Amino acid sequence: MDIKWNALGEVAAVAFAVGVAIVVIFAVGILAWSSRSPEGAHHGRGESTTLATVGAGLCFLACAVIVGYGIYLIVPQFH
């Protein structure tokens, strides 16, 4: 039995990078979602709530797409 260490390292690096990326994207989505609240407007924030809502939605959509693609790669019936 021969282990391809290079391929194992590549898979581990990509899994780590995607794991960190999805956590960061989700955290940015939570931050954008929290800044759109009416309470945030009373603290001197002049940002548009529409822009924050769209940004949060795009972050959450990106997370869903990444998770869906990962499931697509894992489940062989989807190919």
N, C-alpha and C. Protein backbone atom coordinates (compact mmCIF):
# COMPACT_ATOMS: atom_id res chain seq x y z
N MET A 1 0.84 -1.17 0.00
CA MET A 1 0.00 0.00 0.00
C MET A 1 0.89 1.24 0.00
N ASP A 2 0.54 2.17 -0.88
CA ASP A 2 1.35 3.37 -1.02
C ASP A 2 0.48 4.60 -0.75
N ILE A 3 0.91 5.42 0.18
CA ILE A 3 0.17 6.64 0.52
C ILE A 3 0.76 7.79 -0.29
N LYS A 4 -0.09 8.50 -0.98
CA LYS A 4 0.35 9.67 -1.76
C LYS A 4 0.29 10.88 -0.82
N TRP A 5 1.42 11.17 -0.18
CA TRP A 5 1.48 12.22 0.83
C TRP A 5 1.22 13.59 0.24
N ASN A 6 1.66 13.79 -0.99
CA ASN A 6 1.45 15.09 -1.65
C ASN A 6 -0.05 15.35 -1.84
N ALA A 7 -0.77 14.35 -2.31
CA ALA A 7 -2.21 14.51 -2.50
C ALA A 7 -2.93 14.68 -1.17
N LEU A 8 -2.50 13.96 -0.15
CA LEU A 8 -3.09 14.10 1.18
C LEU A 8 -2.86 15.50 1.72
N GLY A 9 -1.68 16.05 1.52
CA GLY A 9 -1.37 17.40 1.95
C GLY A 9 -2.20 18.44 1.23
N GLU A 10 -2.40 18.24 -0.07
CA GLU A 10 -3.22 19.17 -0.85
C GLU A 10 -4.68 19.16 -0.36
N VAL A 11 -5.20 17.99 -0.11
CA VAL A 11 -6.58 17.88 0.37
C VAL A 11 -6.71 18.53 1.74
N ALA A 12 -5.75 18.30 2.61
CA ALA A 12 -5.79 18.90 3.94
C ALA A 12 -5.70 20.41 3.87
N ALA A 13 -4.84 20.94 3.01
CA ALA A 13 -4.68 22.39 2.88
C ALA A 13 -5.95 23.04 2.32
N VAL A 14 -6.53 22.42 1.31
CA VAL A 14 -7.76 22.97 0.73
C VAL A 14 -8.92 22.89 1.72
N ALA A 15 -9.02 21.79 2.44
CA ALA A 15 -10.08 21.66 3.45
C ALA A 15 -9.92 22.70 4.55
N PHE A 16 -8.70 22.94 4.99
CA PHE A 16 -8.46 23.96 6.01
C PHE A 16 -8.81 25.35 5.48
N ALA A 17 -8.37 25.66 4.26
CA ALA A 17 -8.62 26.98 3.67
C ALA A 17 -10.11 27.23 3.47
N VAL A 18 -10.82 26.25 2.97
CA VAL A 18 -12.27 26.41 2.77
C VAL A 18 -12.99 26.49 4.11
N GLY A 19 -12.54 25.73 5.08
CA GLY A 19 -13.14 25.80 6.41
C GLY A 19 -12.98 27.18 7.04
N VAL A 20 -11.80 27.74 6.93
CA VAL A 20 -11.57 29.09 7.46
C VAL A 20 -12.36 30.11 6.66
N ALA A 21 -12.38 29.97 5.34
CA ALA A 21 -13.10 30.92 4.49
C ALA A 21 -14.59 30.94 4.79
N ILE A 22 -15.20 29.78 4.97
CA ILE A 22 -16.64 29.76 5.21
C ILE A 22 -16.97 30.35 6.59
N VAL A 23 -16.10 30.15 7.57
CA VAL A 23 -16.32 30.75 8.88
C VAL A 23 -16.20 32.27 8.80
N VAL A 24 -15.22 32.77 8.06
CA VAL A 24 -15.05 34.22 7.92
C VAL A 24 -16.22 34.83 7.16
N ILE A 25 -16.66 34.19 6.08
CA ILE A 25 -17.79 34.72 5.31
C ILE A 25 -19.05 34.74 6.17
N PHE A 26 -19.28 33.69 6.94
CA PHE A 26 -20.46 33.65 7.80
C PHE A 26 -20.38 34.73 8.88
N ALA A 27 -19.18 34.93 9.44
CA ALA A 27 -19.00 35.96 10.47
C ALA A 27 -19.25 37.36 9.89
N VAL A 28 -18.80 37.60 8.67
CA VAL A 28 -19.06 38.89 8.03
C VAL A 28 -20.56 39.05 7.78
N GLY A 29 -21.24 37.97 7.42
CA GLY A 29 -22.69 38.03 7.24
C GLY A 29 -23.40 38.35 8.54
N ILE A 30 -22.97 37.76 9.63
CA ILE A 30 -23.56 38.06 10.95
C ILE A 30 -23.30 39.52 11.32
N LEU A 31 -22.09 40.01 11.06
CA LEU A 31 -21.76 41.40 11.34
C LEU A 31 -22.64 42.35 10.52
N ALA A 32 -22.81 42.05 9.24
CA ALA A 32 -23.66 42.89 8.40
C ALA A 32 -25.12 42.82 8.86
N TRP A 33 -25.56 41.64 9.24
CA TRP A 33 -26.94 41.49 9.71
C TRP A 33 -27.18 42.28 11.00
N SER A 34 -26.20 42.27 11.89
CA SER A 34 -26.38 43.00 13.15
C SER A 34 -26.30 44.51 12.96
N SER A 35 -25.58 44.97 11.94
CA SER A 35 -25.47 46.41 11.72
C SER A 35 -26.72 46.98 11.07
N ARG A 36 -27.60 46.14 10.56
CA ARG A 36 -28.81 46.63 9.91
C ARG A 36 -29.95 46.87 10.89
N SER A 37 -29.75 46.50 12.15
CA SER A 37 -30.82 46.64 13.13
C SER A 37 -31.09 48.11 13.42
N PRO A 38 -32.31 48.46 13.76
CA PRO A 38 -32.63 49.85 14.08
C PRO A 38 -31.86 50.37 15.28
N GLU A 39 -31.44 49.48 16.20
CA GLU A 39 -30.68 49.92 17.35
C GLU A 39 -29.31 50.45 16.92
N GLY A 40 -28.76 49.90 15.83
CA GLY A 40 -27.47 50.36 15.33
C GLY A 40 -27.53 51.78 14.79
N ALA A 41 -28.69 52.21 14.31
CA ALA A 41 -28.83 53.55 13.77
C ALA A 41 -28.76 54.60 14.88
N HIS A 42 -29.07 54.23 16.10
CA HIS A 42 -29.05 55.18 17.21
C HIS A 42 -27.64 55.38 17.76
N HIS A 43 -26.70 54.59 17.31
CA HIS A 43 -25.34 54.70 17.81
C HIS A 43 -24.44 55.44 16.83
N GLY A 44 -25.00 56.26 16.01
CA GLY A 44 -24.22 57.09 15.10
C GLY A 44 -23.87 56.43 13.78
N ARG A 45 -24.41 55.29 13.50
CA ARG A 45 -24.13 54.63 12.23
C ARG A 45 -25.07 55.19 11.17
N GLY A 46 -24.52 55.74 10.11
CA GLY A 46 -25.36 56.31 9.07
C GLY A 46 -25.49 55.40 7.85
N GLU A 47 -25.15 54.14 8.00
CA GLU A 47 -25.17 53.22 6.87
C GLU A 47 -26.60 52.86 6.49
N SER A 48 -26.77 52.53 5.26
CA SER A 48 -28.08 52.11 4.78
C SER A 48 -28.38 50.70 5.26
N THR A 49 -29.59 50.50 5.76
CA THR A 49 -29.96 49.16 6.20
C THR A 49 -30.17 48.23 5.02
N THR A 50 -30.54 48.80 3.87
CA THR A 50 -30.72 47.97 2.68
C THR A 50 -29.39 47.37 2.23
N LEU A 51 -28.35 48.18 2.22
CA LEU A 51 -27.03 47.69 1.82
C LEU A 51 -26.53 46.61 2.77
N ALA A 52 -26.75 46.81 4.06
CA ALA A 52 -26.33 45.80 5.05
C ALA A 52 -27.11 44.51 4.88
N THR A 53 -28.40 44.62 4.59
CA THR A 53 -29.23 43.44 4.39
C THR A 53 -28.78 42.66 3.15
N VAL A 54 -28.51 43.38 2.08
CA VAL A 54 -28.05 42.72 0.84
C VAL A 54 -26.69 42.07 1.07
N GLY A 55 -25.79 42.75 1.76
CA GLY A 55 -24.47 42.18 2.06
C GLY A 55 -24.57 40.92 2.89
N ALA A 56 -25.43 40.97 3.92
CA ALA A 56 -25.61 39.79 4.77
C ALA A 56 -26.21 38.64 3.96
N GLY A 57 -27.18 38.95 3.14
CA GLY A 57 -27.80 37.92 2.31
C GLY A 57 -26.81 37.28 1.35
N LEU A 58 -25.94 38.10 0.76
CA LEU A 58 -24.93 37.56 -0.15
C LEU A 58 -23.92 36.68 0.58
N CYS A 59 -23.56 37.08 1.79
CA CYS A 59 -22.64 36.24 2.58
C CYS A 59 -23.28 34.90 2.92
N PHE A 60 -24.53 34.93 3.35
CA PHE A 60 -25.21 33.68 3.68
C PHE A 60 -25.43 32.82 2.43
N LEU A 61 -25.72 33.45 1.30
CA LEU A 61 -25.87 32.71 0.05
C LEU A 61 -24.55 32.06 -0.36
N ALA A 62 -23.45 32.79 -0.18
CA ALA A 62 -22.14 32.22 -0.50
C ALA A 62 -21.84 31.01 0.38
N CYS A 63 -22.19 31.10 1.65
CA CYS A 63 -22.00 29.94 2.55
C CYS A 63 -22.83 28.75 2.09
N ALA A 64 -24.08 29.01 1.71
CA ALA A 64 -24.95 27.92 1.26
C ALA A 64 -24.41 27.29 -0.03
N VAL A 65 -23.89 28.10 -0.93
CA VAL A 65 -23.35 27.57 -2.19
C VAL A 65 -22.11 26.72 -1.92
N ILE A 66 -21.24 27.18 -1.03
CA ILE A 66 -20.04 26.41 -0.70
C ILE A 66 -20.40 25.08 -0.07
N VAL A 67 -21.35 25.09 0.87
CA VAL A 67 -21.77 23.84 1.51
C VAL A 67 -22.45 22.92 0.50
N GLY A 68 -23.30 23.47 -0.35
CA GLY A 68 -23.96 22.66 -1.38
C GLY A 68 -22.96 22.03 -2.34
N TYR A 69 -21.93 22.79 -2.73
CA TYR A 69 -20.91 22.25 -3.63
C TYR A 69 -20.13 21.13 -2.94
N GLY A 70 -19.84 21.30 -1.65
CA GLY A 70 -19.16 20.24 -0.92
C GLY A 70 -19.98 18.98 -0.84
N ILE A 71 -21.28 19.11 -0.61
CA ILE A 71 -22.17 17.95 -0.59
C ILE A 71 -22.23 17.31 -1.96
N TYR A 72 -22.27 18.14 -3.01
CA TYR A 72 -22.27 17.62 -4.38
C TYR A 72 -21.01 16.79 -4.65
N LEU A 73 -19.87 17.25 -4.15
CA LEU A 73 -18.61 16.50 -4.38
C LEU A 73 -18.57 15.20 -3.60
N ILE A 74 -19.20 15.16 -2.43
CA ILE A 74 -19.13 13.97 -1.59
C ILE A 74 -20.11 12.88 -2.02
N VAL A 75 -21.34 13.26 -2.41
CA VAL A 75 -22.40 12.28 -2.69
C VAL A 75 -22.28 11.85 -4.16
N PRO A 76 -22.00 10.58 -4.41
CA PRO A 76 -21.81 10.13 -5.80
C PRO A 76 -23.10 10.08 -6.62
N GLN A 77 -24.27 10.04 -6.01
CA GLN A 77 -25.52 9.99 -6.77
C GLN A 77 -25.80 11.32 -7.49
N PHE A 78 -25.14 12.38 -7.06
CA PHE A 78 -25.36 13.70 -7.68
C PHE A 78 -24.55 13.88 -8.95
N HIS A 79 -23.64 12.96 -9.25
CA HIS A 79 -22.80 13.12 -10.44
C HIS A 79 -23.45 12.52 -11.65
